[in-house]
Amino acid sequence: MASFGQGARGHPRSRGRTWSRTGPDRATLAVVGVICAIAGFFVLGIVLGPVAVVCGRLAMGRSRAGSRPAPAVVALALGVVDTVLAVVRLLGATTPGHGML
């Protein structure tokens, strides 16, 4: 008879139950970032651009050297372009003569 905390299966937080930060997690973040960046060119660029940048940066991981996954780099680059274009559009819309004033 086993007492509390002394089961036959070992510790509940063994190696098999920990989450890996490689593989599908990073690939999924990269794809989400690319989709947000592309959608941001058409709607809500000021919101979706930074989301794409964050997803791309998280998908790249912490390593500074070595090869980086292409979708993560694309998400990061398109997110930056998307954010800059959204800010330019907002600044252009607020100048006199373009409808705001």
PDB file of N, CA and C in Angstrom:
ATOM      1  N   MET A   1       0.826  -1.161   0.000  1.00  0.00           N
ATOM      2  CA  MET A   1       0.000   0.000   0.000  1.00  0.00           C
ATOM      3  C   MET A   1       0.886   1.245   0.000  1.00  0.00           C
ATOM      4  N   ALA A   2       0.619   2.136  -0.931  1.00  0.00           N
ATOM      5  CA  ALA A   2       1.440   3.336  -1.077  1.00  0.00           C
ATOM      6  C   ALA A   2       0.825   4.490  -0.302  1.00  0.00           C
ATOM      7  N   SER A   3       1.693   5.261   0.315  1.00  0.00           N
ATOM      8  CA  SER A   3       1.200   6.442   1.026  1.00  0.00           C
ATOM      9  C   SER A   3       1.154   7.629   0.068  1.00  0.00           C
ATOM     10  N   PHE A   4       0.660   8.739   0.545  1.00  0.00           N
ATOM     11  CA  PHE A   4       0.554   9.925  -0.300  1.00  0.00           C
ATOM     12  C   PHE A   4       1.939  10.385  -0.741  1.00  0.00           C
ATOM     13  N   GLY A   5       2.082  10.617  -2.047  1.00  0.00           N
ATOM     14  CA  GLY A   5       3.347  11.100  -2.579  1.00  0.00           C
ATOM     15  C   GLY A   5       4.368  10.015  -2.843  1.00  0.00           C
ATOM     16  N   GLN A   6       4.078   8.777  -2.510  1.00  0.00           N
ATOM     17  CA  GLN A   6       5.018   7.679  -2.707  1.00  0.00           C
ATOM     18  C   GLN A   6       4.422   6.648  -3.655  1.00  0.00           C
ATOM     19  N   GLY A   7       4.060   7.055  -4.841  1.00  0.00           N
ATOM     20  CA  GLY A   7       3.448   6.142  -5.797  1.00  0.00           C
ATOM     21  C   GLY A   7       4.478   5.286  -6.505  1.00  0.00           C
ATOM     22  N   ALA A   8       4.014   4.295  -7.196  1.00  0.00           N
ATOM     23  CA  ALA A   8       4.903   3.388  -7.916  1.00  0.00           C
ATOM     24  C   ALA A   8       5.405   3.999  -9.220  1.00  0.00           C
ATOM     25  N   ARG A   9       4.749   5.042  -9.695  1.00  0.00           N
ATOM     26  CA  ARG A   9       5.136   5.645 -10.973  1.00  0.00           C
ATOM     27  C   ARG A   9       6.231   6.694 -10.830  1.00  0.00           C
ATOM     28  N   GLY A  10       6.678   6.990  -9.687  1.00  0.00           N
ATOM     29  CA  GLY A  10       7.737   7.979  -9.506  1.00  0.00           C
ATOM     30  C   GLY A  10       7.168   9.369  -9.314  1.00  0.00           C
ATOM     31  N   HIS A  11       7.995  10.337  -9.570  1.00  0.00           N
ATOM     32  CA  HIS A  11       7.590  11.730  -9.379  1.00  0.00           C
ATOM     33  C   HIS A  11       6.641  12.166 -10.490  1.00  0.00           C
ATOM     34  N   PRO A  12       5.615  12.952 -10.153  1.00  0.00           N
ATOM     35  CA  PRO A  12       4.651  13.359 -11.180  1.00  0.00           C
ATOM     36  C   PRO A  12       5.255  14.291 -12.232  1.00  0.00           C
ATOM     37  N   ARG A  13       6.328  14.981 -11.904  1.00  0.00           N
ATOM     38  CA  ARG A  13       6.961  15.880 -12.863  1.00  0.00           C
ATOM     39  C   ARG A  13       8.270  15.282 -13.356  1.00  0.00           C
ATOM     40  N   SER A  14       8.154  14.122 -13.918  1.00  0.00           N
ATOM     41  CA  SER A  14       9.346  13.468 -14.441  1.00  0.00           C
ATOM     42  C   SER A  14       9.711  14.037 -15.797  1.00  0.00           C
ATOM     43  N   ARG A  15      10.787  13.561 -16.382  1.00  0.00           N
ATOM     44  CA  ARG A  15      11.275  14.083 -17.655  1.00  0.00           C
ATOM     45  C   ARG A  15      10.265  13.951 -18.786  1.00  0.00           C
ATOM     46  N   GLY A  16       9.489  12.921 -18.781  1.00  0.00           N
ATOM     47  CA  GLY A  16       8.542  12.690 -19.865  1.00  0.00           C
ATOM     48  C   GLY A  16       7.394  13.686 -19.912  1.00  0.00           C
ATOM     49  N   ARG A  17       7.170  14.405 -18.848  1.00  0.00           N
ATOM     50  CA  ARG A  17       6.023  15.310 -18.797  1.00  0.00           C
ATOM     51  C   ARG A  17       6.407  16.779 -18.942  1.00  0.00           C
ATOM     52  N   THR A  18       7.657  17.065 -19.103  1.00  0.00           N
ATOM     53  CA  THR A  18       8.059  18.459 -19.279  1.00  0.00           C
ATOM     54  C   THR A  18       7.891  18.862 -20.728  1.00  0.00           C
ATOM     55  N   TRP A  19       7.629  20.148 -20.962  1.00  0.00           N
ATOM     56  CA  TRP A  19       7.398  20.647 -22.309  1.00  0.00           C
ATOM     57  C   TRP A  19       8.704  20.996 -22.980  1.00  0.00           C
ATOM     58  N   SER A  20       8.821  20.638 -24.213  1.00  0.00           N
ATOM     59  CA  SER A  20      10.004  20.954 -24.996  1.00  0.00           C
ATOM     60  C   SER A  20       9.813  22.287 -25.700  1.00  0.00           C
ATOM     61  N   ARG A  21      10.857  23.119 -25.762  1.00  0.00           N
ATOM     62  CA  ARG A  21      10.766  24.413 -26.422  1.00  0.00           C
ATOM     63  C   ARG A  21      11.275  24.339 -27.863  1.00  0.00           C
ATOM     64  N   THR A  22      11.384  23.164 -28.408  1.00  0.00           N
ATOM     65  CA  THR A  22      11.817  23.007 -29.784  1.00  0.00           C
ATOM     66  C   THR A  22      10.733  22.291 -30.559  1.00  0.00           C
ATOM     67  N   GLY A  23      10.901  22.218 -31.864  1.00  0.00           N
ATOM     68  CA  GLY A  23       9.974  21.469 -32.695  1.00  0.00           C
ATOM     69  C   GLY A  23       8.712  22.227 -33.018  1.00  0.00           C
ATOM     70  N   PRO A  24       7.565  21.616 -32.798  1.00  0.00           N
ATOM     71  CA  PRO A  24       6.301  22.203 -33.239  1.00  0.00           C
ATOM     72  C   PRO A  24       5.982  23.562 -32.626  1.00  0.00           C
ATOM     73  N   ASP A  25       6.407  23.821 -31.389  1.00  0.00           N
ATOM     74  CA  ASP A  25       6.102  25.109 -30.763  1.00  0.00           C
ATOM     75  C   ASP A  25       6.675  26.257 -31.571  1.00  0.00           C
ATOM     76  N   ARG A  26       7.927  26.167 -31.912  1.00  0.00           N
ATOM     77  CA  ARG A  26       8.577  27.246 -32.658  1.00  0.00           C
ATOM     78  C   ARG A  26       8.059  27.319 -34.087  1.00  0.00           C
ATOM     79  N   ALA A  27       7.809  26.191 -34.699  1.00  0.00           N
ATOM     80  CA  ALA A  27       7.283  26.201 -36.061  1.00  0.00           C
ATOM     81  C   ALA A  27       5.885  26.810 -36.094  1.00  0.00           C
ATOM     82  N   THR A  28       5.089  26.496 -35.109  1.00  0.00           N
ATOM     83  CA  THR A  28       3.745  27.052 -35.041  1.00  0.00           C
ATOM     84  C   THR A  28       3.782  28.559 -34.826  1.00  0.00           C
ATOM     85  N   LEU A  29       4.662  29.015 -33.943  1.00  0.00           N
ATOM     86  CA  LEU A  29       4.797  30.454 -33.723  1.00  0.00           C
ATOM     87  C   LEU A  29       5.238  31.174 -34.993  1.00  0.00           C
ATOM     88  N   ALA A  30       6.126  30.563 -35.743  1.00  0.00           N
ATOM     89  CA  ALA A  30       6.591  31.180 -36.986  1.00  0.00           C
ATOM     90  C   ALA A  30       5.462  31.299 -37.999  1.00  0.00           C
ATOM     91  N   VAL A  31       4.667  30.261 -38.134  1.00  0.00           N
ATOM     92  CA  VAL A  31       3.549  30.289 -39.085  1.00  0.00           C
ATOM     93  C   VAL A  31       2.496  31.305 -38.641  1.00  0.00           C
ATOM     94  N   VAL A  32       2.211  31.367 -37.339  1.00  0.00           N
ATOM     95  CA  VAL A  32       1.261  32.355 -36.826  1.00  0.00           C
ATOM     96  C   VAL A  32       1.783  33.763 -37.093  1.00  0.00           C
ATOM     97  N   GLY A  33       3.073  33.964 -36.917  1.00  0.00           N
ATOM     98  CA  GLY A  33       3.662  35.269 -37.190  1.00  0.00           C
ATOM     99  C   GLY A  33       3.555  35.676 -38.644  1.00  0.00           C
ATOM    100  N   VAL A  34       3.805  34.738 -39.555  1.00  0.00           N
ATOM    101  CA  VAL A  34       3.691  35.040 -40.986  1.00  0.00           C
ATOM    102  C   VAL A  34       2.245  35.364 -41.350  1.00  0.00           C
ATOM    103  N   ILE A  35       1.304  34.610 -40.825  1.00  0.00           N
ATOM    104  CA  ILE A  35      -0.114  34.864 -41.118  1.00  0.00           C
ATOM    105  C   ILE A  35      -0.537  36.227 -40.575  1.00  0.00           C
ATOM    106  N   CYS A  36      -0.107  36.560 -39.358  1.00  0.00           N
ATOM    107  CA  CYS A  36      -0.442  37.879 -38.795  1.00  0.00           C
ATOM    108  C   CYS A  36       0.176  39.002 -39.612  1.00  0.00           C
ATOM    109  N   ALA A  37       1.407  38.807 -40.078  1.00  0.00           N
ATOM    110  CA  ALA A  37       2.069  39.848 -40.867  1.00  0.00           C
ATOM    111  C   ALA A  37       1.360  40.066 -42.197  1.00  0.00           C
ATOM    112  N   ILE A  38       0.979  38.991 -42.856  1.00  0.00           N
ATOM    113  CA  ILE A  38       0.287  39.125 -44.144  1.00  0.00           C
ATOM    114  C   ILE A  38      -1.095  39.744 -43.951  1.00  0.00           C
ATOM    115  N   ALA A  39      -1.808  39.316 -42.921  1.00  0.00           N
ATOM    116  CA  ALA A  39      -3.129  39.888 -42.655  1.00  0.00           C
ATOM    117  C   ALA A  39      -3.018  41.351 -42.240  1.00  0.00           C
ATOM    118  N   GLY A  40      -1.919  41.712 -41.604  1.00  0.00           N
ATOM    119  CA  GLY A  40      -1.727  43.078 -41.150  1.00  0.00           C
ATOM    120  C   GLY A  40      -1.562  44.076 -42.278  1.00  0.00           C
ATOM    121  N   PHE A  41      -1.179  43.616 -43.456  1.00  0.00           N
ATOM    122  CA  PHE A  41      -1.080  44.520 -44.594  1.00  0.00           C
ATOM    123  C   PHE A  41      -2.464  45.002 -45.034  1.00  0.00           C
ATOM    124  N   PHE A  42      -3.490  44.250 -44.715  1.00  0.00           N
ATOM    125  CA  PHE A  42      -4.839  44.579 -45.162  1.00  0.00           C
ATOM    126  C   PHE A  42      -5.707  45.171 -44.052  1.00  0.00           C
ATOM    127  N   VAL A  43      -5.616  44.634 -42.840  1.00  0.00           N
ATOM    128  CA  VAL A  43      -6.433  45.127 -41.727  1.00  0.00           C
ATOM    129  C   VAL A  43      -5.601  45.157 -40.451  1.00  0.00           C
ATOM    130  N   LEU A  44      -5.828  46.143 -39.620  1.00  0.00           N
ATOM    131  CA  LEU A  44      -5.233  46.250 -38.285  1.00  0.00           C
ATOM    132  C   LEU A  44      -3.720  46.050 -38.263  1.00  0.00           C
ATOM    133  N   GLY A  45      -3.031  46.718 -39.148  1.00  0.00           N
ATOM    134  CA  GLY A  45      -1.581  46.585 -39.215  1.00  0.00           C
ATOM    135  C   GLY A  45      -0.873  47.043 -37.965  1.00  0.00           C
ATOM    136  N   ILE A  46      -1.447  48.019 -37.283  1.00  0.00           N
ATOM    137  CA  ILE A  46      -0.825  48.541 -36.066  1.00  0.00           C
ATOM    138  C   ILE A  46      -0.880  47.519 -34.937  1.00  0.00           C
ATOM    139  N   VAL A  47      -1.786  46.568 -35.005  1.00  0.00           N
ATOM    140  CA  VAL A  47      -1.899  45.516 -33.990  1.00  0.00           C
ATOM    141  C   VAL A  47      -1.201  44.238 -34.451  1.00  0.00           C
ATOM    142  N   LEU A  48      -1.479  43.824 -35.679  1.00  0.00           N
ATOM    143  CA  LEU A  48      -0.955  42.550 -36.165  1.00  0.00           C
ATOM    144  C   LEU A  48       0.536  42.604 -36.493  1.00  0.00           C
ATOM    145  N   GLY A  49       1.062  43.780 -36.812  1.00  0.00           N
ATOM    146  CA  GLY A  49       2.493  43.912 -37.079  1.00  0.00           C
ATOM    147  C   GLY A  49       3.337  43.573 -35.864  1.00  0.00           C
ATOM    148  N   PRO A  50       3.084  44.216 -34.728  1.00  0.00           N
ATOM    149  CA  PRO A  50       3.847  43.850 -33.529  1.00  0.00           C
ATOM    150  C   PRO A  50       3.625  42.409 -33.069  1.00  0.00           C
ATOM    151  N   VAL A  51       2.425  41.885 -33.286  1.00  0.00           N
ATOM    152  CA  VAL A  51       2.182  40.471 -32.947  1.00  0.00           C
ATOM    153  C   VAL A  51       3.076  39.573 -33.803  1.00  0.00           C
ATOM    154  N   ALA A  52       3.207  39.903 -35.082  1.00  0.00           N
ATOM    155  CA  ALA A  52       4.077  39.125 -35.970  1.00  0.00           C
ATOM    156  C   ALA A  52       5.537  39.239 -35.556  1.00  0.00           C
ATOM    157  N   VAL A  53       5.949  40.425 -35.115  1.00  0.00           N
ATOM    158  CA  VAL A  53       7.332  40.605 -34.654  1.00  0.00           C
ATOM    159  C   VAL A  53       7.607  39.752 -33.426  1.00  0.00           C
ATOM    160  N   VAL A  54       6.692  39.763 -32.482  1.00  0.00           N
ATOM    161  CA  VAL A  54       6.873  38.978 -31.259  1.00  0.00           C
ATOM    162  C   VAL A  54       6.878  37.484 -31.567  1.00  0.00           C
ATOM    163  N   CYS A  55       5.958  37.033 -32.398  1.00  0.00           N
ATOM    164  CA  CYS A  55       5.915  35.608 -32.761  1.00  0.00           C
ATOM    165  C   CYS A  55       7.182  35.189 -33.503  1.00  0.00           C
ATOM    166  N   GLY A  56       7.651  36.037 -34.408  1.00  0.00           N
ATOM    167  CA  GLY A  56       8.881  35.721 -35.136  1.00  0.00           C
ATOM    168  C   GLY A  56      10.083  35.662 -34.225  1.00  0.00           C
ATOM    169  N   ARG A  57      10.155  36.586 -33.279  1.00  0.00           N
ATOM    170  CA  ARG A  57      11.288  36.601 -32.352  1.00  0.00           C
ATOM    171  C   ARG A  57      11.256  35.392 -31.426  1.00  0.00           C
ATOM    172  N   LEU A  58      10.076  35.027 -30.938  1.00  0.00           N
ATOM    173  CA  LEU A  58       9.968  33.842 -30.089  1.00  0.00           C
ATOM    174  C   LEU A  58      10.269  32.568 -30.862  1.00  0.00           C
ATOM    175  N   ALA A  59       9.906  32.533 -32.136  1.00  0.00           N
ATOM    176  CA  ALA A  59      10.159  31.345 -32.952  1.00  0.00           C
ATOM    177  C   ALA A  59      11.641  31.184 -33.257  1.00  0.00           C
ATOM    178  N   MET A  60      12.391  32.284 -33.256  1.00  0.00           N
ATOM    179  CA  MET A  60      13.833  32.187 -33.503  1.00  0.00           C
ATOM    180  C   MET A  60      14.583  31.550 -32.348  1.00  0.00           C
ATOM    181  N   GLY A  61      14.077  31.703 -31.158  1.00  0.00           N
ATOM    182  CA  GLY A  61      14.765  31.136 -30.008  1.00  0.00           C
ATOM    183  C   GLY A  61      15.774  32.107 -29.447  1.00  0.00           C
ATOM    184  N   ARG A  62      16.588  31.618 -28.536  1.00  0.00           N
ATOM    185  CA  ARG A  62      17.544  32.478 -27.848  1.00  0.00           C
ATOM    186  C   ARG A  62      18.913  32.481 -28.491  1.00  0.00           C
ATOM    187  N   SER A  63      19.204  31.563 -29.362  1.00  0.00           N
ATOM    188  CA  SER A  63      20.548  31.481 -29.938  1.00  0.00           C
ATOM    189  C   SER A  63      20.794  32.638 -30.900  1.00  0.00           C
ATOM    190  N   ARG A  64      21.943  33.235 -30.788  1.00  0.00           N
ATOM    191  CA  ARG A  64      22.313  34.349 -31.660  1.00  0.00           C
ATOM    192  C   ARG A  64      23.101  33.861 -32.864  1.00  0.00           C
ATOM    193  N   ALA A  65      23.727  32.724 -32.759  1.00  0.00           N
ATOM    194  CA  ALA A  65      24.532  32.191 -33.854  1.00  0.00           C
ATOM    195  C   ALA A  65      23.833  30.979 -34.462  1.00  0.00           C
ATOM    196  N   GLY A  66      24.232  30.638 -35.660  1.00  0.00           N
ATOM    197  CA  GLY A  66      23.674  29.468 -36.312  1.00  0.00           C
ATOM    198  C   GLY A  66      22.549  29.831 -37.263  1.00  0.00           C
ATOM    199  N   SER A  67      21.980  28.813 -37.852  1.00  0.00           N
ATOM    200  CA  SER A  67      20.907  29.043 -38.820  1.00  0.00           C
ATOM    201  C   SER A  67      19.599  29.305 -38.090  1.00  0.00           C
ATOM    202  N   ARG A  68      18.828  30.198 -38.654  1.00  0.00           N
ATOM    203  CA  ARG A  68      17.519  30.532 -38.105  1.00  0.00           C
ATOM    204  C   ARG A  68      16.447  30.007 -39.054  1.00  0.00           C
ATOM    205  N   PRO A  69      15.312  29.601 -38.526  1.00  0.00           N
ATOM    206  CA  PRO A  69      14.242  29.109 -39.400  1.00  0.00           C
ATOM    207  C   PRO A  69      13.705  30.228 -40.294  1.00  0.00           C
ATOM    208  N   ALA A  70      13.525  29.917 -41.555  1.00  0.00           N
ATOM    209  CA  ALA A  70      13.090  30.915 -42.541  1.00  0.00           C
ATOM    210  C   ALA A  70      11.734  31.536 -42.213  1.00  0.00           C
ATOM    211  N   PRO A  71      10.713  30.770 -41.821  1.00  0.00           N
ATOM    212  CA  PRO A  71       9.431  31.412 -41.506  1.00  0.00           C
ATOM    213  C   PRO A  71       9.531  32.406 -40.351  1.00  0.00           C
ATOM    214  N   ALA A  72      10.404  32.162 -39.391  1.00  0.00           N
ATOM    215  CA  ALA A  72      10.563  33.091 -38.273  1.00  0.00           C
ATOM    216  C   ALA A  72      11.175  34.400 -38.743  1.00  0.00           C
ATOM    217  N   VAL A  73      12.157  34.320 -39.623  1.00  0.00           N
ATOM    218  CA  VAL A  73      12.785  35.531 -40.158  1.00  0.00           C
ATOM    219  C   VAL A  73      11.792  36.302 -41.023  1.00  0.00           C
ATOM    220  N   VAL A  74      11.005  35.586 -41.818  1.00  0.00           N
ATOM    221  CA  VAL A  74       9.993  36.231 -42.657  1.00  0.00           C
ATOM    222  C   VAL A  74       8.949  36.917 -41.787  1.00  0.00           C
ATOM    223  N   ALA A  75       8.502  36.258 -40.719  1.00  0.00           N
ATOM    224  CA  ALA A  75       7.516  36.856 -39.814  1.00  0.00           C
ATOM    225  C   ALA A  75       8.072  38.110 -39.161  1.00  0.00           C
ATOM    226  N   LEU A  76       9.329  38.061 -38.742  1.00  0.00           N
ATOM    227  CA  LEU A  76       9.941  39.224 -38.109  1.00  0.00           C
ATOM    228  C   LEU A  76      10.073  40.381 -39.086  1.00  0.00           C
ATOM    229  N   ALA A  77      10.570  40.101 -40.285  1.00  0.00           N
ATOM    230  CA  ALA A  77      10.771  41.167 -41.278  1.00  0.00           C
ATOM    231  C   ALA A  77       9.443  41.767 -41.736  1.00  0.00           C
ATOM    232  N   LEU A  78       8.480  40.927 -42.071  1.00  0.00           N
ATOM    233  CA  LEU A  78       7.185  41.445 -42.512  1.00  0.00           C
ATOM    234  C   LEU A  78       6.450  42.171 -41.387  1.00  0.00           C
ATOM    235  N   GLY A  79       6.632  41.719 -40.163  1.00  0.00           N
ATOM    236  CA  GLY A  79       6.014  42.402 -39.028  1.00  0.00           C
ATOM    237  C   GLY A  79       6.572  43.800 -38.832  1.00  0.00           C
ATOM    238  N   VAL A  80       7.885  43.950 -39.009  1.00  0.00           N
ATOM    239  CA  VAL A  80       8.492  45.279 -38.890  1.00  0.00           C
ATOM    240  C   VAL A  80       7.996  46.185 -40.006  1.00  0.00           C
ATOM    241  N   VAL A  81       7.988  45.678 -41.241  1.00  0.00           N
ATOM    242  CA  VAL A  81       7.500  46.471 -42.375  1.00  0.00           C
ATOM    243  C   VAL A  81       6.036  46.843 -42.173  1.00  0.00           C
ATOM    244  N   ASP A  82       5.259  45.893 -41.712  1.00  0.00           N
ATOM    245  CA  ASP A  82       3.834  46.117 -41.479  1.00  0.00           C
ATOM    246  C   ASP A  82       3.611  47.197 -40.419  1.00  0.00           C
ATOM    247  N   THR A  83       4.371  47.150 -39.345  1.00  0.00           N
ATOM    248  CA  THR A  83       4.239  48.144 -38.288  1.00  0.00           C
ATOM    249  C   THR A  83       4.634  49.536 -38.780  1.00  0.00           C
ATOM    250  N   VAL A  84       5.739  49.614 -39.504  1.00  0.00           N
ATOM    251  CA  VAL A  84       6.185  50.910 -40.021  1.00  0.00           C
ATOM    252  C   VAL A  84       5.154  51.490 -40.988  1.00  0.00           C
ATOM    253  N   LEU A  85       4.621  50.672 -41.881  1.00  0.00           N
ATOM    254  CA  LEU A  85       3.601  51.161 -42.814  1.00  0.00           C
ATOM    255  C   LEU A  85       2.335  51.609 -42.092  1.00  0.00           C
ATOM    256  N   ALA A  86       1.951  50.913 -41.050  1.00  0.00           N
ATOM    257  CA  ALA A  86       0.764  51.304 -40.294  1.00  0.00           C
ATOM    258  C   ALA A  86       0.976  52.645 -39.598  1.00  0.00           C
ATOM    259  N   VAL A  87       2.171  52.864 -39.055  1.00  0.00           N
ATOM    260  CA  VAL A  87       2.458  54.143 -38.404  1.00  0.00           C
ATOM    261  C   VAL A  87       2.484  55.266 -39.435  1.00  0.00           C
ATOM    262  N   VAL A  88       3.059  55.015 -40.611  1.00  0.00           N
ATOM    263  CA  VAL A  88       3.075  56.026 -41.671  1.00  0.00           C
ATOM    264  C   VAL A  88       1.657  56.350 -42.118  1.00  0.00           C
ATOM    265  N   ARG A  89       0.818  55.347 -42.251  1.00  0.00           N
ATOM    266  CA  ARG A  89      -0.583  55.585 -42.624  1.00  0.00           C
ATOM    267  C   ARG A  89      -1.306  56.414 -41.570  1.00  0.00           C
ATOM    268  N   LEU A  90      -1.057  56.113 -40.296  1.00  0.00           N
ATOM    269  CA  LEU A  90      -1.696  56.882 -39.228  1.00  0.00           C
ATOM    270  C   LEU A  90      -1.211  58.327 -39.218  1.00  0.00           C
ATOM    271  N   LEU A  91       0.076  58.533 -39.394  1.00  0.00           N
ATOM    272  CA  LEU A  91       0.604  59.890 -39.425  1.00  0.00           C
ATOM    273  C   LEU A  91       0.114  60.645 -40.657  1.00  0.00           C
ATOM    274  N   GLY A  92      -0.019  59.957 -41.777  1.00  0.00           N
ATOM    275  CA  GLY A  92      -0.524  60.596 -42.994  1.00  0.00           C
ATOM    276  C   GLY A  92      -1.985  60.935 -42.898  1.00  0.00           C
ATOM    277  N   ALA A  93      -2.735  60.163 -42.147  1.00  0.00           N
ATOM    278  CA  ALA A  93      -4.167  60.412 -42.016  1.00  0.00           C
ATOM    279  C   ALA A  93      -4.455  61.582 -41.086  1.00  0.00           C
ATOM    280  N   THR A  94      -3.504  61.927 -40.241  1.00  0.00           N
ATOM    281  CA  THR A  94      -3.750  63.008 -39.290  1.00  0.00           C
ATOM    282  C   THR A  94      -3.263  64.375 -39.781  1.00  0.00           C
ATOM    283  N   THR A  95      -2.642  64.428 -40.947  1.00  0.00           N
ATOM    284  CA  THR A  95      -2.201  65.723 -41.466  1.00  0.00           C
ATOM    285  C   THR A  95      -3.397  66.473 -42.039  1.00  0.00           C
ATOM    286  N   PRO A  96      -3.353  67.809 -42.016  1.00  0.00           N
ATOM    287  CA  PRO A  96      -4.460  68.588 -42.568  1.00  0.00           C
ATOM    288  C   PRO A  96      -4.632  68.326 -44.061  1.00  0.00           C
ATOM    289  N   GLY A  97      -5.867  68.178 -44.450  1.00  0.00           N
ATOM    290  CA  GLY A  97      -6.165  67.969 -45.865  1.00  0.00           C
ATOM    291  C   GLY A  97      -6.434  66.526 -46.240  1.00  0.00           C
ATOM    292  N   HIS A  98      -6.315  65.613 -45.298  1.00  0.00           N
ATOM    293  CA  HIS A  98      -6.584  64.222 -45.593  1.00  0.00           C
ATOM    294  C   HIS A  98      -7.792  63.686 -44.851  1.00  0.00           C
ATOM    295  N   GLY A  99      -8.635  64.548 -44.370  1.00  0.00           N
ATOM    296  CA  GLY A  99      -9.894  64.090 -43.820  1.00  0.00           C
ATOM    297  C   GLY A  99     -10.033  64.147 -42.324  1.00  0.00           C
ATOM    298  N   MET A 100      -8.959  64.146 -41.579  1.00  0.00           N
ATOM    299  CA  MET A 100      -9.097  64.157 -40.141  1.00  0.00           C
ATOM    300  C   MET A 100      -9.403  65.550 -39.590  1.00  0.00           C
ATOM    301  N   LEU A 101      -8.783  66.586 -40.133  1.00  0.00           N
ATOM    302  CA  LEU A 101      -9.027  67.961 -39.641  1.00  0.00           C
ATOM    303  C   LEU A 101      -9.679  68.795 -40.686  1.00  0.00           C
TER     304      LEU A 101
END
